[in-house]
C-alpha atoms as a PDB file:
ATOM      1  CA  MET A   1       0.002  -0.095   0.085  1.00  0.00           C
ATOM      2  CA  ALA A   2       2.858   2.473   0.751  1.00  0.00           C
ATOM      3  CA  GLY A   3       4.656   1.714  -2.537  1.00  0.00           C
ATOM      4  CA  HIS A   4       1.531   2.430  -4.566  1.00  0.00           C
ATOM      5  CA  THR A   5       1.471   5.718  -2.458  1.00  0.00           C
ATOM      6  CA  MET A   6       4.718   6.723  -3.426  1.00  0.00           C
ATOM      7  CA  LEU A   7       4.463   6.507  -6.823  1.00  0.00           C
ATOM      8  CA  LYS A   8       0.740   8.165  -6.664  1.00  0.00           C
ATOM      9  CA  ILE A   9       3.028  11.016  -5.123  1.00  0.00           C
ATOM     10  CA  PHE A  10       5.828  10.983  -7.572  1.00  0.00           C
ATOM     11  CA  GLY A  11       3.514  10.192 -10.505  1.00  0.00           C
ATOM     12  CA  GLY A  12       1.810  13.711  -9.443  1.00  0.00           C
ATOM     13  CA  PHE A  13       5.213  15.475  -9.155  1.00  0.00           C
ATOM     14  CA  CYS A  14       6.181  14.469 -12.799  1.00  0.00           C
ATOM     15  CA  TYR A  15       2.882  15.485 -13.620  1.00  0.00           C
ATOM     16  CA  TRP A  16       3.321  19.163 -11.925  1.00  0.00           C
ATOM     17  CA  THR A  17       6.679  19.825 -13.273  1.00  0.00           C
ATOM     18  CA  GLU A  18       5.606  18.994 -16.917  1.00  0.00           C
ATOM     19  CA  PHE A  19       2.501  20.735 -16.115  1.00  0.00           C
ATOM     20  CA  ARG A  20       4.544  23.922 -15.326  1.00  0.00           C
ATOM     21  CA  ARG A  21       7.143  23.587 -18.388  1.00  0.00           C
ATOM     22  CA  VAL A  22       9.800  22.758 -16.202  1.00  0.00           C
ATOM     23  CA  SER A  23      10.883  19.576 -17.721  1.00  0.00           C
ATOM     24  CA  PRO A  24      14.388  18.922 -16.722  1.00  0.00           C
ATOM     25  CA  LEU A  25      13.185  18.516 -13.243  1.00  0.00           C
ATOM     26  CA  ALA A  26      10.553  15.766 -14.124  1.00  0.00           C
ATOM     27  CA  ILE A  27      13.392  13.584 -14.808  1.00  0.00           C
ATOM     28  CA  ALA A  28      14.133  12.624 -10.954  1.00  0.00           C
ATOM     29  CA  PRO A  29      10.641  11.708 -10.010  1.00  0.00           C
ATOM     30  CA  PHE A  30       9.944   9.922 -13.321  1.00  0.00           C
ATOM     31  CA  LEU A  31      13.350   7.909 -12.317  1.00  0.00           C
ATOM     32  CA  LEU A  32      12.027   7.457  -8.594  1.00  0.00           C
ATOM     33  CA  MET A  33       8.669   6.095 -10.402  1.00  0.00           C
ATOM     34  CA  VAL A  34      10.541   3.868 -12.546  1.00  0.00           C
ATOM     35  CA  ALA A  35      13.010   2.670  -9.280  1.00  0.00           C
ATOM     36  CA  LEU A  36       9.982   2.148  -7.138  1.00  0.00           C
ATOM     37  CA  THR A  37       8.171   0.037  -9.546  1.00  0.00           C
ATOM     38  CA  GLY A  38      10.871  -2.572 -10.282  1.00  0.00           C
ATOM     39  CA  LEU A  39      10.692  -2.987  -6.415  1.00  0.00           C
ATOM     40  CA  GLU A  40       7.237  -3.511  -6.297  1.00  0.00           C
ATOM     41  CA  LEU A  41       7.731  -5.994  -8.859  1.00  0.00           C
ATOM     42  CA  LEU A  42      11.005  -7.476  -7.475  1.00  0.00           C
ATOM     43  CA  ILE A  43       9.062  -7.909  -3.723  1.00  0.00           C
ATOM     44  CA  ALA A  44       6.179  -9.650  -5.634  1.00  0.00           C
ATOM     45  CA  GLY A  45       8.504 -12.052  -7.180  1.00  0.00           C
ATOM     46  CA  LEU A  46       9.931 -12.872  -3.682  1.00  0.00           C
ATOM     47  CA  GLN A  47       6.782 -13.519  -2.445  1.00  0.00           C
ATOM     48  CA  ALA A  48       5.365 -15.617  -4.832  1.00  0.00           C
ATOM     49  CA  TYR A  49       8.532 -17.648  -4.328  1.00  0.00           C
ATOM     50  CA  VAL A  50       8.369 -17.873  -0.480  1.00  0.00           C
ATOM     51  CA  PHE A  51       4.783 -18.723  -0.943  1.00  0.00           C
ATOM     52  CA  THR A  52       5.606 -21.476  -3.501  1.00  0.00           C
ATOM     53  CA  ILE A  53       8.292 -23.004  -1.159  1.00  0.00           C
ATOM     54  CA  LEU A  54       6.099 -23.091   1.885  1.00  0.00           C
ATOM     55  CA  THR A  55       3.348 -24.415  -0.016  1.00  0.00           C
ATOM     56  CA  CYS A  56       5.893 -27.349  -1.174  1.00  0.00           C
ATOM     57  CA  ILE A  57       7.133 -27.590   2.359  1.00  0.00           C
ATOM     58  CA  TYR A  58       3.716 -28.068   3.527  1.00  0.00           C
ATOM     59  CA  LEU A  59       2.703 -30.576   0.818  1.00  0.00           C
ATOM     60  CA  ASN A  60       5.333 -32.900   0.975  1.00  0.00           C
ATOM     61  CA  GLU A  61       4.929 -33.227   4.885  1.00  0.00           C
ATOM     62  CA  ALA A  62       1.224 -33.849   4.528  1.00  0.00           C
ATOM     63  CA  ILE A  63       2.083 -36.727   2.111  1.00  0.00           C
ATOM     64  CA  HIS A  64       5.096 -37.978   3.605  1.00  0.00           C
ATOM     65  CA  MET A  65       3.979 -38.242   7.071  1.00  0.00           C
ATOM     66  CA  ASP A  66       6.767 -39.883   8.985  1.00  0.00           C
ATOM     67  CA  HIS A  67       5.547 -39.881  12.716  1.00  0.00           C
END
């Protein structure tokens, strides 16, 4: 949720600086938006990986009950 809020804020900065015809200043918020989007994708991939590993461990324990 915080990542989406930050993207919204930096998107507003990009729009505001473009609207005011100060385009060199719009590069920094745009680059931050790209970096934050990449970070969100990285976190989503990591969460999917952890979920998959935990599911595999659970299914392995459920199928091979050695107790």
